[in-house]
PDB file of N, CA and C in Angstrom:
ATOM      1  N   MET A   1      22.056   8.897  -1.649  1.00  0.00           N
ATOM      2  CA  MET A   1      21.465   7.588  -1.828  1.00  0.00           C
ATOM      3  C   MET A   1      20.690   7.608  -3.134  1.00  0.00           C
ATOM      4  N   GLY A   2      19.645   7.536  -3.364  1.00  0.00           N
ATOM      5  CA  GLY A   2      18.924   7.591  -4.612  1.00  0.00           C
ATOM      6  C   GLY A   2      17.786   8.542  -4.477  1.00  0.00           C
ATOM      7  N   LYS A   3      17.026   8.536  -5.494  1.00  0.00           N
ATOM      8  CA  LYS A   3      15.847   9.384  -5.517  1.00  0.00           C
ATOM      9  C   LYS A   3      14.727   8.762  -4.681  1.00  0.00           C
ATOM     10  N   ASP A   4      13.890   9.602  -4.136  1.00  0.00           N
ATOM     11  CA  ASP A   4      12.736   9.094  -3.401  1.00  0.00           C
ATOM     12  C   ASP A   4      11.814   8.323  -4.355  1.00  0.00           C
ATOM     13  N   ILE A   5      11.124   7.332  -3.830  1.00  0.00           N
ATOM     14  CA  ILE A   5      10.253   6.536  -4.682  1.00  0.00           C
ATOM     15  C   ILE A   5       9.003   7.327  -5.057  1.00  0.00           C
ATOM     16  N   SER A   6       8.419   6.957  -6.179  1.00  0.00           N
ATOM     17  CA  SER A   6       7.224   7.645  -6.668  1.00  0.00           C
ATOM     18  C   SER A   6       5.972   7.103  -5.983  1.00  0.00           C
ATOM     19  N   LYS A   7       4.901   7.823  -6.170  1.00  0.00           N
ATOM     20  CA  LYS A   7       3.598   7.421  -5.640  1.00  0.00           C
ATOM     21  C   LYS A   7       3.210   6.049  -6.199  1.00  0.00           C
ATOM     22  N   GLU A   8       3.428   5.831  -7.487  1.00  0.00           N
ATOM     23  CA  GLU A   8       3.075   4.567  -8.129  1.00  0.00           C
ATOM     24  C   GLU A   8       3.905   3.411  -7.577  1.00  0.00           C
ATOM     25  N   ASN A   9       5.201   3.647  -7.362  1.00  0.00           N
ATOM     26  CA  ASN A   9       6.052   2.600  -6.791  1.00  0.00           C
ATOM     27  C   ASN A   9       5.648   2.270  -5.366  1.00  0.00           C
ATOM     28  N   ALA A  10       5.295   3.276  -4.589  1.00  0.00           N
ATOM     29  CA  ALA A  10       4.850   3.059  -3.213  1.00  0.00           C
ATOM     30  C   ALA A  10       3.571   2.229  -3.203  1.00  0.00           C
ATOM     31  N   GLN A  11       2.651   2.538  -4.111  1.00  0.00           N
ATOM     32  CA  GLN A  11       1.403   1.776  -4.201  1.00  0.00           C
ATOM     33  C   GLN A  11       1.692   0.318  -4.560  1.00  0.00           C
ATOM     34  N   GLN A  12       2.576   0.093  -5.509  1.00  0.00           N
ATOM     35  CA  GLN A  12       2.907  -1.273  -5.929  1.00  0.00           C
ATOM     36  C   GLN A  12       3.531  -2.070  -4.781  1.00  0.00           C
ATOM     37  N   ILE A  13       4.411  -1.444  -4.026  1.00  0.00           N
ATOM     38  CA  ILE A  13       5.038  -2.106  -2.873  1.00  0.00           C
ATOM     39  C   ILE A  13       3.976  -2.505  -1.854  1.00  0.00           C
ATOM     40  N   ALA A  14       3.050  -1.586  -1.575  1.00  0.00           N
ATOM     41  CA  ALA A  14       1.994  -1.865  -0.599  1.00  0.00           C
ATOM     42  C   ALA A  14       1.072  -2.985  -1.074  1.00  0.00           C
ATOM     43  N   VAL A  15       0.695  -2.958  -2.347  1.00  0.00           N
ATOM     44  CA  VAL A  15      -0.196  -3.997  -2.889  1.00  0.00           C
ATOM     45  C   VAL A  15       0.472  -5.368  -2.828  1.00  0.00           C
ATOM     46  N   GLU A  16       1.723  -5.455  -3.253  1.00  0.00           N
ATOM     47  CA  GLU A  16       2.430  -6.740  -3.211  1.00  0.00           C
ATOM     48  C   GLU A  16       2.582  -7.251  -1.785  1.00  0.00           C
ATOM     49  N   TYR A  17       2.884  -6.360  -0.871  1.00  0.00           N
ATOM     50  CA  TYR A  17       3.031  -6.742   0.531  1.00  0.00           C
ATOM     51  C   TYR A  17       1.718  -7.304   1.079  1.00  0.00           C
ATOM     52  N   MET A  18       0.613  -6.605   0.821  1.00  0.00           N
ATOM     53  CA  MET A  18      -0.683  -7.053   1.339  1.00  0.00           C
ATOM     54  C   MET A  18      -1.133  -8.345   0.661  1.00  0.00           C
ATOM     55  N   ARG A  19      -0.843  -8.509  -0.622  1.00  0.00           N
ATOM     56  CA  ARG A  19      -1.195  -9.763  -1.316  1.00  0.00           C
ATOM     57  C   ARG A  19      -0.517 -10.951  -0.645  1.00  0.00           C
ATOM     58  N   LYS A  20       0.758 -10.800  -0.349  1.00  0.00           N
ATOM     59  CA  LYS A  20       1.496 -11.891   0.301  1.00  0.00           C
ATOM     60  C   LYS A  20       1.040 -12.099   1.735  1.00  0.00           C
ATOM     61  N   ARG A  21       0.843 -11.015   2.460  1.00  0.00           N
ATOM     62  CA  ARG A  21       0.483 -11.109   3.873  1.00  0.00           C
ATOM     63  C   ARG A  21      -0.911 -11.698   4.084  1.00  0.00           C
ATOM     64  N   LYS A  22      -1.867 -11.321   3.237  1.00  0.00           N
ATOM     65  CA  LYS A  22      -3.258 -11.755   3.405  1.00  0.00           C
ATOM     66  C   LYS A  22      -3.634 -12.896   2.460  1.00  0.00           C
ATOM     67  N   ASN A  23      -2.715 -13.306   1.605  1.00  0.00           N
ATOM     68  CA  ASN A  23      -2.936 -14.406   0.672  1.00  0.00           C
ATOM     69  C   ASN A  23      -4.190 -14.167  -0.176  1.00  0.00           C
ATOM     70  N   THR A  24      -4.263 -13.005  -0.790  1.00  0.00           N
ATOM     71  CA  THR A  24      -5.387 -12.658  -1.656  1.00  0.00           C
ATOM     72  C   THR A  24      -4.889 -11.830  -2.835  1.00  0.00           C
ATOM     73  N   GLU A  25      -5.608 -11.900  -3.942  1.00  0.00           N
ATOM     74  CA  GLU A  25      -5.266 -11.094  -5.115  1.00  0.00           C
ATOM     75  C   GLU A  25      -6.032  -9.771  -5.130  1.00  0.00           C
ATOM     76  N   LYS A  26      -7.125  -9.689  -4.375  1.00  0.00           N
ATOM     77  CA  LYS A  26      -7.985  -8.493  -4.406  1.00  0.00           C
ATOM     78  C   LYS A  26      -7.576  -7.498  -3.328  1.00  0.00           C
ATOM     79  N   ILE A  27      -6.897  -6.469  -3.750  1.00  0.00           N
ATOM     80  CA  ILE A  27      -6.482  -5.381  -2.864  1.00  0.00           C
ATOM     81  C   ILE A  27      -7.046  -4.094  -3.452  1.00  0.00           C
ATOM     82  N   ASP A  28      -7.870  -3.403  -2.693  1.00  0.00           N
ATOM     83  CA  ASP A  28      -8.452  -2.142  -3.155  1.00  0.00           C
ATOM     84  C   ASP A  28      -7.778  -0.984  -2.434  1.00  0.00           C
ATOM     85  N   ILE A  29      -7.158  -0.106  -3.207  1.00  0.00           N
ATOM     86  CA  ILE A  29      -6.495   1.069  -2.647  1.00  0.00           C
ATOM     87  C   ILE A  29      -7.511   2.208  -2.589  1.00  0.00           C
ATOM     88  N   ALA A  30      -7.664   2.802  -1.404  1.00  0.00           N
ATOM     89  CA  ALA A  30      -8.620   3.891  -1.217  1.00  0.00           C
ATOM     90  C   ALA A  30      -7.943   5.255  -1.241  1.00  0.00           C
ATOM     91  N   ALA A  31      -6.724   5.333  -0.703  1.00  0.00           N
ATOM     92  CA  ALA A  31      -6.050   6.635  -0.626  1.00  0.00           C
ATOM     93  C   ALA A  31      -4.540   6.445  -0.579  1.00  0.00           C
ATOM     94  N   ILE A  32      -3.842   7.386  -1.192  1.00  0.00           N
ATOM     95  CA  ILE A  32      -2.386   7.434  -1.128  1.00  0.00           C
ATOM     96  C   ILE A  32      -2.019   8.870  -0.781  1.00  0.00           C
ATOM     97  N   GLU A  33      -1.340   9.034   0.356  1.00  0.00           N
ATOM     98  CA  GLU A  33      -0.974  10.373   0.805  1.00  0.00           C
ATOM     99  C   GLU A  33       0.507  10.419   1.133  1.00  0.00           C
ATOM    100  N   GLU A  34       1.093  11.580   0.958  1.00  0.00           N
ATOM    101  CA  GLU A  34       2.476  11.784   1.363  1.00  0.00           C
ATOM    102  C   GLU A  34       2.460  12.473   2.723  1.00  0.00           C
ATOM    103  N   ASP A  35       3.255  11.957   3.666  1.00  0.00           N
ATOM    104  CA  ASP A  35       3.290  12.512   5.014  1.00  0.00           C
ATOM    105  C   ASP A  35       4.735  12.514   5.506  1.00  0.00           C
ATOM    106  N   SER A  36       5.306  13.671   5.652  1.00  0.00           N
ATOM    107  CA  SER A  36       6.688  13.834   6.139  1.00  0.00           C
ATOM    108  C   SER A  36       7.684  13.012   5.331  1.00  0.00           C
ATOM    109  N   GLY A  37       7.514  12.987   4.025  1.00  0.00           N
ATOM    110  CA  GLY A  37       8.445  12.278   3.152  1.00  0.00           C
ATOM    111  C   GLY A  37       8.115  10.808   2.953  1.00  0.00           C
ATOM    112  N   SER A  38       7.210  10.259   3.724  1.00  0.00           N
ATOM    113  CA  SER A  38       6.805   8.859   3.577  1.00  0.00           C
ATOM    114  C   SER A  38       5.455   8.798   2.862  1.00  0.00           C
ATOM    115  N   TRP A  39       5.179   7.644   2.259  1.00  0.00           N
ATOM    116  CA  TRP A  39       3.885   7.417   1.625  1.00  0.00           C
ATOM    117  C   TRP A  39       3.005   6.613   2.559  1.00  0.00           C
ATOM    118  N   VAL A  40       1.743   7.015   2.684  1.00  0.00           N
ATOM    119  CA  VAL A  40       0.751   6.303   3.486  1.00  0.00           C
ATOM    120  C   VAL A  40      -0.300   5.784   2.513  1.00  0.00           C
ATOM    121  N   ILE A  41      -0.395   4.463   2.407  1.00  0.00           N
ATOM    122  CA  ILE A  41      -1.333   3.828   1.497  1.00  0.00           C
ATOM    123  C   ILE A  41      -2.426   3.157   2.330  1.00  0.00           C
ATOM    124  N   ARG A  42      -3.683   3.513   2.052  1.00  0.00           N
ATOM    125  CA  ARG A  42      -4.814   2.939   2.780  1.00  0.00           C
ATOM    126  C   ARG A  42      -5.724   2.222   1.803  1.00  0.00           C
ATOM    127  N   GLY A  43      -6.337   1.151   2.289  1.00  0.00           N
ATOM    128  CA  GLY A  43      -7.259   0.421   1.438  1.00  0.00           C
ATOM    129  C   GLY A  43      -7.948  -0.696   2.189  1.00  0.00           C
ATOM    130  N   THR A  44      -8.567  -1.593   1.416  1.00  0.00           N
ATOM    131  CA  THR A  44      -9.264  -2.740   1.994  1.00  0.00           C
ATOM    132  C   THR A  44      -8.895  -4.005   1.233  1.00  0.00           C
ATOM    133  N   CYS A  45      -9.090  -5.127   1.911  1.00  0.00           N
ATOM    134  CA  CYS A  45      -8.904  -6.424   1.274  1.00  0.00           C
ATOM    135  C   CYS A  45      -9.853  -7.423   1.940  1.00  0.00           C
ATOM    136  N   PRO A  46     -10.287  -8.449   1.196  1.00  0.00           N
ATOM    137  CA  PRO A  46     -11.168  -9.448   1.788  1.00  0.00           C
ATOM    138  C   PRO A  46     -10.348 -10.451   2.594  1.00  0.00           C
ATOM    139  N   ILE A  47     -10.945 -10.955   3.671  1.00  0.00           N
ATOM    140  CA  ILE A  47     -10.320 -12.034   4.422  1.00  0.00           C
ATOM    141  C   ILE A  47     -11.395 -13.070   4.740  1.00  0.00           C
ATOM    142  N   ASP A  48     -10.964 -14.264   5.056  1.00  0.00           N
ATOM    143  CA  ASP A  48     -11.877 -15.350   5.383  1.00  0.00           C
ATOM    144  C   ASP A  48     -11.709 -15.681   6.858  1.00  0.00           C
ATOM    145  N   MET A  49     -12.769 -15.494   7.621  1.00  0.00           N
ATOM    146  CA  MET A  49     -12.717 -15.825   9.044  1.00  0.00           C
ATOM    147  C   MET A  49     -13.654 -16.992   9.299  1.00  0.00           C
ATOM    148  N   GLU A  50     -13.083 -18.159   9.457  1.00  0.00           N
ATOM    149  CA  GLU A  50     -13.841 -19.370   9.745  1.00  0.00           C
ATOM    150  C   GLU A  50     -14.962 -19.589   8.740  1.00  0.00           C
ATOM    151  N   GLY A  51     -14.664 -19.420   7.475  1.00  0.00           N
ATOM    152  CA  GLY A  51     -15.630 -19.661   6.419  1.00  0.00           C
ATOM    153  C   GLY A  51     -16.533 -18.497   6.086  1.00  0.00           C
ATOM    154  N   HIS A  52     -16.393 -17.372   6.762  1.00  0.00           N
ATOM    155  CA  HIS A  52     -17.218 -16.197   6.499  1.00  0.00           C
ATOM    156  C   HIS A  52     -16.365 -15.084   5.911  1.00  0.00           C
ATOM    157  N   PRO A  53     -16.824 -14.491   4.803  1.00  0.00           N
ATOM    158  CA  PRO A  53     -16.049 -13.387   4.206  1.00  0.00           C
ATOM    159  C   PRO A  53     -16.202 -12.102   5.015  1.00  0.00           C
ATOM    160  N   TRP A  54     -15.098 -11.434   5.233  1.00  0.00           N
ATOM    161  CA  TRP A  54     -15.073 -10.145   5.923  1.00  0.00           C
ATOM    162  C   TRP A  54     -14.192  -9.205   5.123  1.00  0.00           C
ATOM    163  N   ALA A  55     -14.340  -7.936   5.384  1.00  0.00           N
ATOM    164  CA  ALA A  55     -13.449  -6.941   4.787  1.00  0.00           C
ATOM    165  C   ALA A  55     -12.537  -6.402   5.886  1.00  0.00           C
ATOM    166  N   GLU A  56     -11.303  -6.175   5.514  1.00  0.00           N
ATOM    167  CA  GLU A  56     -10.331  -5.641   6.456  1.00  0.00           C
ATOM    168  C   GLU A  56      -9.733  -4.380   5.853  1.00  0.00           C
ATOM    169  N   LYS A  57      -9.632  -3.335   6.663  1.00  0.00           N
ATOM    170  CA  LYS A  57      -8.970  -2.120   6.185  1.00  0.00           C
ATOM    171  C   LYS A  57      -7.509  -2.188   6.613  1.00  0.00           C
ATOM    172  N   PHE A  58      -6.666  -1.562   5.819  1.00  0.00           N
ATOM    173  CA  PHE A  58      -5.237  -1.579   6.138  1.00  0.00           C
ATOM    174  C   PHE A  58      -4.606  -0.233   5.840  1.00  0.00           C
ATOM    175  N   GLU A  59      -3.442  -0.034   6.441  1.00  0.00           N
ATOM    176  CA  GLU A  59      -2.619   1.143   6.196  1.00  0.00           C
ATOM    177  C   GLU A  59      -1.178   0.659   6.155  1.00  0.00           C
ATOM    178  N   VAL A  60      -0.476   1.017   5.099  1.00  0.00           N
ATOM    179  CA  VAL A  60       0.935   0.669   4.956  1.00  0.00           C
ATOM    180  C   VAL A  60       1.710   1.971   4.804  1.00  0.00           C
ATOM    181  N   ILE A  61       2.746   2.148   5.623  1.00  0.00           N
ATOM    182  CA  ILE A  61       3.581   3.348   5.559  1.00  0.00           C
ATOM    183  C   ILE A  61       4.927   2.945   4.967  1.00  0.00           C
ATOM    184  N   ILE A  62       5.299   3.624   3.901  1.00  0.00           N
ATOM    185  CA  ILE A  62       6.528   3.303   3.168  1.00  0.00           C
ATOM    186  C   ILE A  62       7.454   4.507   3.204  1.00  0.00           C
ATOM    187  N   ASP A  63       8.708   4.259   3.595  1.00  0.00           N
ATOM    188  CA  ASP A  63       9.669   5.359   3.696  1.00  0.00           C
ATOM    189  C   ASP A  63      10.152   5.780   2.304  1.00  0.00           C
ATOM    190  N   PRO A  64      10.880   6.891   2.214  1.00  0.00           N
ATOM    191  CA  PRO A  64      11.305   7.411   0.907  1.00  0.00           C
ATOM    192  C   PRO A  64      12.186   6.457   0.096  1.00  0.00           C
ATOM    193  N   ARG A  65      12.802   5.472   0.743  1.00  0.00           N
ATOM    194  CA  ARG A  65      13.645   4.518   0.018  1.00  0.00           C
ATOM    195  C   ARG A  65      12.880   3.272  -0.418  1.00  0.00           C
ATOM    196  N   GLY A  66      11.589   3.207  -0.094  1.00  0.00           N
ATOM    197  CA  GLY A  66      10.784   2.072  -0.539  1.00  0.00           C
ATOM    198  C   GLY A  66      10.672   0.950   0.470  1.00  0.00           C
ATOM    199  N   LYS A  67      11.090   1.192   1.697  1.00  0.00           N
ATOM    200  CA  LYS A  67      10.992   0.174   2.747  1.00  0.00           C
ATOM    201  C   LYS A  67       9.705   0.371   3.536  1.00  0.00           C
ATOM    202  N   ILE A  68       9.050  -0.741   3.886  1.00  0.00           N
ATOM    203  CA  ILE A  68       7.838  -0.661   4.687  1.00  0.00           C
ATOM    204  C   ILE A  68       8.235  -0.314   6.117  1.00  0.00           C
ATOM    205  N   ARG A  69       7.714   0.799   6.601  1.00  0.00           N
ATOM    206  CA  ARG A  69       8.057   1.273   7.931  1.00  0.00           C
ATOM    207  C   ARG A  69       7.052   0.820   8.983  1.00  0.00           C
ATOM    208  N   ASP A  70       5.775   0.722   8.586  1.00  0.00           N
ATOM    209  CA  ASP A  70       4.758   0.338   9.553  1.00  0.00           C
ATOM    210  C   ASP A  70       3.523  -0.142   8.800  1.00  0.00           C
ATOM    211  N   THR A  71       2.751  -1.010   9.454  1.00  0.00           N
ATOM    212  CA  THR A  71       1.468  -1.451   8.894  1.00  0.00           C
ATOM    213  C   THR A  71       0.442  -1.525  10.015  1.00  0.00           C
ATOM    214  N   ASN A  72      -0.789  -1.303   9.665  1.00  0.00           N
ATOM    215  CA  ASN A  72      -1.922  -1.433  10.576  1.00  0.00           C
ATOM    216  C   ASN A  72      -3.058  -2.054   9.801  1.00  0.00           C
ATOM    217  N   SER A  73      -3.844  -2.897  10.467  1.00  0.00           N
ATOM    218  CA  SER A  73      -5.040  -3.436   9.830  1.00  0.00           C
ATOM    219  C   SER A  73      -6.097  -3.686  10.886  1.00  0.00           C
ATOM    220  N   ALA A  74      -7.363  -3.640  10.450  1.00  0.00           N
ATOM    221  CA  ALA A  74      -8.490  -3.845  11.362  1.00  0.00           C
ATOM    222  C   ALA A  74      -9.700  -4.267  10.540  1.00  0.00           C
ATOM    223  N   LEU A  75     -10.577  -5.026  11.165  1.00  0.00           N
ATOM    224  CA  LEU A  75     -11.816  -5.415  10.503  1.00  0.00           C
ATOM    225  C   LEU A  75     -12.715  -4.197  10.313  1.00  0.00           C
ATOM    226  N   LEU A  76     -13.451  -4.202   9.232  1.00  0.00           N
ATOM    227  CA  LEU A  76     -14.421  -3.118   8.994  1.00  0.00           C
ATOM    228  C   LEU A  76     -15.709  -3.412   9.724  1.00  0.00           C
TER     229      LEU A  76
END
Protein backbone atom coordinates (compact mmCIF):
# COMPACT_ATOMS: atom_id res chain seq x y z
CA MET A 1 0.00 0.00 0.00
CA GLY A 2 1.96 3.14 0.72
CA LYS A 3 4.18 4.45 3.33
CA ASP A 4 2.90 5.09 6.82
CA ILE A 5 1.93 8.70 7.45
CA SER A 6 4.29 11.02 9.29
CA LYS A 7 3.78 12.58 12.69
CA GLU A 8 3.16 15.97 11.04
CA ASN A 9 0.54 14.55 8.67
CA ALA A 10 -1.23 12.80 11.54
CA GLN A 11 -1.31 16.07 13.49
CA GLN A 12 -2.73 17.95 10.49
CA ILE A 13 -5.47 15.33 9.99
CA ALA A 14 -6.44 15.55 13.67
CA VAL A 15 -6.48 19.37 13.69
CA GLU A 16 -8.63 19.58 10.56
CA TYR A 17 -11.02 16.96 11.90
CA MET A 18 -11.45 18.75 15.24
CA ARG A 19 -11.85 22.16 13.54
CA LYS A 20 -14.75 20.82 11.49
CA ARG A 21 -16.28 18.78 14.30
CA LYS A 22 -16.17 21.55 16.94
CA ASN A 23 -16.55 24.50 14.53
CA THR A 24 -13.53 26.35 15.93
CA GLU A 25 -10.17 27.52 14.61
CA LYS A 26 -8.36 27.20 17.96
CA ILE A 27 -7.03 23.69 18.43
CA ASP A 28 -4.16 23.20 20.88
CA ILE A 29 -2.15 20.01 20.50
CA ALA A 30 -0.67 18.79 23.79
CA ALA A 31 0.88 15.45 22.80
CA ILE A 32 1.50 13.23 19.80
CA GLU A 33 2.45 9.63 20.48
CA GLU A 34 2.91 6.54 18.36
CA ASP A 35 1.13 3.45 19.70
CA SER A 36 1.16 0.10 17.87
CA GLY A 37 1.66 1.78 14.50
CA SER A 38 -1.12 4.34 15.02
CA TRP A 39 -0.77 7.99 16.02
CA VAL A 40 -2.53 9.26 19.15
CA ILE A 41 -3.03 13.02 19.14
CA ARG A 42 -4.22 14.71 22.34
CA GLY A 43 -5.13 18.31 22.92
CA THR A 44 -7.77 20.85 23.88
CA CYS A 45 -10.21 23.12 22.12
CA PRO A 46 -12.69 25.77 23.31
CA ILE A 47 -16.41 25.11 23.12
CA ASP A 48 -19.45 27.24 23.87
CA MET A 49 -22.03 25.74 26.20
CA GLU A 50 -25.13 27.91 26.39
CA GLY A 51 -23.13 31.12 26.14
CA HIS A 52 -20.35 30.06 28.52
CA PRO A 53 -16.83 29.24 27.30
CA TRP A 54 -15.47 25.85 28.32
CA ALA A 55 -12.41 23.85 27.40
CA GLU A 56 -12.71 20.34 26.06
CA LYS A 57 -9.92 17.79 25.88
CA PHE A 58 -9.79 15.40 22.97
CA GLU A 59 -7.94 12.37 21.68
CA VAL A 60 -7.84 11.36 18.02
CA ILE A 61 -6.36 8.01 16.96
CA ILE A 62 -5.16 7.82 13.37
CA ASP A 63 -4.16 4.57 11.68
CA PRO A 64 -0.97 4.21 9.59
CA ARG A 65 -2.86 5.02 6.37
CA GLY A 66 -4.17 8.34 7.70
CA LYS A 67 -7.71 7.26 8.56
CA ILE A 68 -9.30 8.34 11.84
CA ARG A 69 -9.84 5.17 13.84
CA ASP A 70 -11.29 6.57 17.05
CA THR A 71 -11.99 9.83 18.87
CA ASN A 72 -12.73 10.72 22.47
CA SER A 73 -13.55 14.06 24.05
CA ALA A 74 -14.53 15.31 27.50
CA LEU A 75 -14.93 18.60 29.33
CA LEU A 76 -11.98 19.73 31.41
